[in-house]
Amino acid sequence: MHYDLALAWSTLPQLLRGAAMSLAVLMPVLMVGMLIAIPLALRRASTRRRWIAAGYVGFFRGVPSLILLYAIYNGLPQLSAIRNGPLWPLFSNAYFCAVAGLSLTHSAYLAEILRGGLQAVPQGVIEAASALGMRPPVIFWKVRLPIAARHALRAYQNEILIMVKSTAAVGAITLVELNAAANEVFEFTYDPFTPLLTAAAIYWTIINIIRFGFDAAERYLNAGQTRALIK
């Protein structure tokens, strides 16, 4: 068993196309997940009807992503209301189902991360902002959310890194992402070592680019906090 440089170079474009598909799934998952997670986190941090958000978070954190993808792509189309209704073009599309399934999982975990960040905001800061005449929506967007983001930054980074690797699951519903592309090379060449190690190197590169971005964001936020304290 050895690493075949010639094979790695000749199949690199195929693996990079798979990586592009992985990122094409990841980016809308992060955006949709955030849109769902913010109201969930607010409801979880509230004292009114938090059980609704708690049920959502508990369910989608407890169901494996792979089973959820199978249920959405293979299960829902079996319902006549889906198969014969206006939603059929969506649920017959593997890309839509991949984004939908991973977004549900991501939003559940992200909601807990944001809830923890919101609860870390000192109550005195909120009261001071209210005393200055800020309205609740302004307090949330200008005061609570920035402070919560600083507290939740590292946990959010870890969640994104997990989601990068979770995109490998969408190969099970016919999308040729990075892991599926590596398996295609293996099936064609009967060399598992070279394509899988190359795919691992691509994953490593993507993950470290994300880590570098979060390190830069953390330095920026800390510098901003220091400037605010000096002023």
Protein backbone atom coordinates (compact mmCIF):
# COMPACT_ATOMS: atom_id res chain seq x y z
CA MET A 1 0.00 0.00 0.00
CA HIS A 2 1.46 3.34 -1.07
CA TYR A 3 0.38 6.83 -2.03
CA ASP A 4 0.26 7.12 -5.82
CA LEU A 5 1.16 10.70 -6.73
CA ALA A 6 0.29 10.24 -10.39
CA LEU A 7 -3.18 8.91 -9.51
CA ALA A 8 -3.70 11.66 -6.94
CA TRP A 9 -2.85 14.35 -9.49
CA SER A 10 -5.00 12.86 -12.26
CA THR A 11 -8.04 12.48 -10.00
CA LEU A 12 -7.63 15.76 -8.12
CA PRO A 13 -10.12 17.65 -10.36
CA GLN A 14 -12.78 15.03 -9.60
CA LEU A 15 -12.16 15.33 -5.86
CA LEU A 16 -12.21 19.12 -6.05
CA ARG A 17 -15.60 18.97 -7.77
CA GLY A 18 -16.75 16.83 -4.87
CA ALA A 19 -15.36 19.39 -2.42
CA ALA A 20 -17.22 22.13 -4.30
CA MET A 21 -20.45 20.18 -3.85
CA SER A 22 -19.70 19.77 -0.13
CA LEU A 23 -19.30 23.54 0.20
CA ALA A 24 -22.37 24.17 -1.95
CA VAL A 25 -24.37 22.17 0.58
CA LEU A 26 -22.61 23.64 3.62
CA MET A 27 -23.12 27.34 2.88
CA PRO A 28 -26.96 27.38 2.66
CA VAL A 29 -27.10 24.98 5.63
CA LEU A 30 -25.23 27.53 7.75
CA MET A 31 -27.50 30.38 6.62
CA VAL A 32 -30.80 28.50 6.97
CA GLY A 33 -29.67 27.00 10.25
CA MET A 34 -28.92 30.45 11.65
CA LEU A 35 -32.31 31.80 10.57
CA ILE A 36 -34.06 28.95 12.36
CA ALA A 37 -31.75 28.92 15.40
CA ILE A 38 -32.12 32.59 16.42
CA PRO A 39 -35.88 32.45 17.20
CA LEU A 40 -35.39 29.00 18.75
CA ALA A 41 -32.66 30.32 21.05
CA LEU A 42 -34.82 33.27 22.06
CA ARG A 43 -37.70 30.94 22.84
CA ARG A 44 -35.39 28.61 24.78
CA ALA A 45 -34.11 31.56 26.81
CA SER A 46 -37.67 32.76 27.44
CA THR A 47 -40.01 31.63 30.19
CA ARG A 48 -43.04 31.37 27.88
CA ARG A 49 -43.74 28.21 25.86
CA ARG A 50 -40.12 27.18 25.84
CA TRP A 51 -41.26 23.56 25.56
CA ILE A 52 -41.93 24.04 21.83
CA ALA A 53 -38.34 25.02 21.14
CA ALA A 54 -37.10 22.42 23.63
CA GLY A 55 -39.00 19.70 21.77
CA TYR A 56 -37.59 20.79 18.41
CA VAL A 57 -34.04 20.94 19.73
CA GLY A 58 -34.33 17.65 21.57
CA PHE A 59 -35.77 15.82 18.56
CA PHE A 60 -33.36 17.01 15.90
CA ARG A 61 -30.34 16.67 18.17
CA GLY A 62 -31.38 13.10 18.89
CA VAL A 63 -31.95 11.93 15.31
CA PRO A 64 -28.81 11.05 13.31
CA SER A 65 -28.32 13.22 10.24
CA LEU A 66 -28.16 10.19 7.95
CA ILE A 67 -31.56 8.89 9.09
CA LEU A 68 -33.02 12.37 8.71
CA LEU A 69 -31.69 12.62 5.15
CA TYR A 70 -33.15 9.22 4.27
CA ALA A 71 -36.49 10.21 5.80
CA ILE A 72 -36.70 13.45 3.81
CA TYR A 73 -35.38 12.13 0.48
CA ASN A 74 -36.80 8.60 0.49
CA GLY A 75 -39.61 8.77 3.02
CA LEU A 76 -41.55 11.98 2.43
CA PRO A 77 -41.93 11.41 -1.34
CA GLN A 78 -43.89 8.25 -0.49
CA LEU A 79 -46.69 10.44 0.85
CA SER A 80 -49.27 11.15 -1.82
CA ALA A 81 -49.64 14.73 -0.55
CA ILE A 82 -45.97 15.30 -1.38
CA ARG A 83 -45.73 13.17 -4.52
CA ASN A 84 -48.83 14.65 -6.11
CA GLY A 85 -48.60 18.13 -4.68
CA PRO A 86 -46.75 21.36 -5.45
CA LEU A 87 -43.83 20.39 -3.17
CA TRP A 88 -42.83 17.42 -5.34
CA PRO A 89 -40.22 19.36 -7.40
CA LEU A 90 -38.47 20.23 -4.14
CA PHE A 91 -38.54 16.85 -2.43
CA SER A 92 -37.54 15.02 -5.59
CA ASN A 93 -34.37 17.13 -5.67
CA ALA A 94 -31.49 15.56 -3.74
CA TYR A 95 -29.75 18.90 -3.22
CA PHE A 96 -32.82 20.47 -1.60
CA CYS A 97 -33.30 17.45 0.65
CA ALA A 98 -29.63 17.54 1.68
CA VAL A 99 -29.81 21.21 2.61
CA ALA A 100 -33.13 20.74 4.41
CA GLY A 101 -31.97 17.74 6.43
CA LEU A 102 -28.65 19.18 7.55
CA SER A 103 -30.26 22.58 8.25
CA LEU A 104 -32.67 20.98 10.72
CA THR A 105 -29.81 19.27 12.54
CA HIS A 106 -27.56 22.33 12.48
CA SER A 107 -30.30 24.67 13.71
CA ALA A 108 -30.98 22.46 16.74
CA TYR A 109 -27.35 22.46 17.86
CA LEU A 110 -26.86 26.11 17.01
CA ALA A 111 -29.94 27.11 19.01
CA GLU A 112 -28.34 25.64 22.14
CA ILE A 113 -25.07 27.43 21.40
CA LEU A 114 -26.86 30.77 20.98
CA ARG A 115 -28.97 30.17 24.07
CA GLY A 116 -25.81 29.67 26.09
CA GLY A 117 -24.35 32.85 24.66
CA LEU A 118 -27.51 34.86 25.38
CA GLN A 119 -27.63 33.61 28.95
CA ALA A 120 -24.02 34.71 29.41
CA VAL A 121 -24.94 38.36 28.76
CA PRO A 122 -24.97 40.16 32.14
CA GLN A 123 -28.43 41.33 33.14
CA GLY A 124 -26.94 44.64 34.20
CA VAL A 125 -25.87 45.37 30.63
CA ILE A 126 -29.42 44.84 29.39
CA GLU A 127 -30.85 47.02 32.15
CA ALA A 128 -28.34 49.77 31.37
CA ALA A 129 -29.27 49.71 27.68
CA SER A 130 -32.96 49.89 28.60
CA ALA A 131 -32.27 52.81 30.93
CA LEU A 132 -30.66 54.64 28.01
CA GLY A 133 -33.97 54.42 26.16
CA MET A 134 -33.13 51.57 23.77
CA ARG A 135 -36.09 49.56 22.51
CA PRO A 136 -36.03 45.76 23.02
CA PRO A 137 -35.27 44.96 19.33
CA VAL A 138 -32.39 47.45 19.36
CA ILE A 139 -31.09 46.01 22.62
CA PHE A 140 -31.15 42.54 21.10
CA TRP A 141 -29.35 43.39 17.85
CA LYS A 142 -26.97 46.05 19.17
CA VAL A 143 -26.21 44.76 22.68
CA ARG A 144 -27.26 41.20 23.47
CA LEU A 145 -26.41 39.50 20.18
CA PRO A 146 -22.86 40.94 19.81
CA ILE A 147 -21.98 39.97 23.39
CA ALA A 148 -23.59 36.55 22.97
CA ALA A 149 -21.68 36.04 19.71
CA ARG A 150 -18.40 36.69 21.49
CA HIS A 151 -19.23 34.10 24.15
CA ALA A 152 -20.49 31.55 21.62
CA LEU A 153 -17.79 32.03 18.98
CA ARG A 154 -15.66 28.97 19.79
CA ALA A 155 -18.65 26.69 20.22
CA TYR A 156 -19.99 27.93 16.88
CA GLN A 157 -16.65 27.23 15.24
CA ASN A 158 -16.75 23.65 16.51
CA GLU A 159 -20.30 23.23 15.21
CA ILE A 160 -19.31 24.44 11.75
CA LEU A 161 -16.34 22.05 11.69
CA ILE A 162 -18.71 19.21 12.57
CA MET A 163 -21.05 20.28 9.77
CA VAL A 164 -18.17 20.28 7.26
CA LYS A 165 -17.61 16.62 8.03
CA SER A 166 -21.36 15.92 8.19
CA THR A 167 -21.69 16.88 4.52
CA ALA A 168 -20.21 13.44 3.80
CA ALA A 169 -23.62 12.01 4.71
CA VAL A 170 -25.32 13.59 1.69
CA GLY A 171 -23.54 11.10 -0.56
CA ALA A 172 -26.12 8.60 0.69
CA ILE A 173 -28.85 10.45 -1.24
CA THR A 174 -26.97 10.52 -4.57
CA LEU A 175 -25.04 13.80 -4.26
CA VAL A 176 -21.41 13.38 -5.22
CA GLU A 177 -19.67 15.31 -2.47
CA LEU A 178 -16.02 14.92 -1.51
CA ASN A 179 -16.29 11.57 0.25
CA ALA A 180 -18.48 10.12 -2.51
CA ALA A 181 -16.02 11.37 -5.15
CA ALA A 182 -13.17 9.62 -3.32
CA ASN A 183 -15.20 6.41 -3.22
CA GLU A 184 -15.86 6.67 -6.96
CA VAL A 185 -12.12 6.91 -7.59
CA PHE A 186 -11.56 3.90 -5.33
CA GLU A 187 -14.19 1.84 -7.16
CA PHE A 188 -12.62 2.69 -10.51
CA THR A 189 -8.95 2.22 -9.56
CA TYR A 190 -9.21 -0.31 -6.69
CA ASP A 191 -6.83 1.95 -4.76
CA PRO A 192 -8.55 3.07 -1.54
CA PHE A 193 -5.50 4.68 0.04
CA THR A 194 -4.70 7.42 -2.48
CA PRO A 195 -8.16 8.99 -3.04
CA LEU A 196 -9.18 8.78 0.60
CA LEU A 197 -5.94 10.32 1.82
CA THR A 198 -6.27 13.07 -0.78
CA ALA A 199 -9.86 13.69 0.33
CA ALA A 200 -8.67 13.83 3.96
CA ALA A 201 -6.09 16.45 2.97
CA ILE A 202 -8.80 18.54 1.28
CA TYR A 203 -11.02 18.28 4.37
CA TRP A 204 -8.04 19.29 6.53
CA THR A 205 -7.43 22.33 4.33
CA ILE A 206 -11.06 23.47 4.45
CA ILE A 207 -11.23 23.00 8.23
CA ASN A 208 -8.03 24.93 8.85
CA ILE A 209 -9.18 27.80 6.64
CA ILE A 210 -12.33 28.01 8.77
CA ARG A 211 -10.26 27.86 11.97
CA PHE A 212 -8.03 30.65 10.70
CA GLY A 213 -11.11 32.77 9.94
CA PHE A 214 -12.51 32.25 13.43
CA ASP A 215 -9.14 33.06 15.01
CA ALA A 216 -9.12 36.33 13.06
CA ALA A 217 -12.71 37.07 14.09
CA GLU A 218 -11.90 36.42 17.74
CA ARG A 219 -8.90 38.76 17.62
CA TYR A 220 -11.07 41.44 16.02
CA LEU A 221 -13.82 41.09 18.62
CA ASN A 222 -11.33 41.13 21.50
CA ALA A 223 -9.60 44.19 20.05
CA GLY A 224 -12.96 45.94 19.74
CA GLN A 225 -13.78 45.12 23.34
CA THR A 226 -10.40 46.50 24.45
CA ARG A 227 -10.96 49.73 22.50
CA ALA A 228 -14.41 50.11 24.07
CA LEU A 229 -12.96 49.68 27.56
CA ILE A 230 -10.25 52.27 26.90
CA LYS A 231 -12.82 54.79 25.68
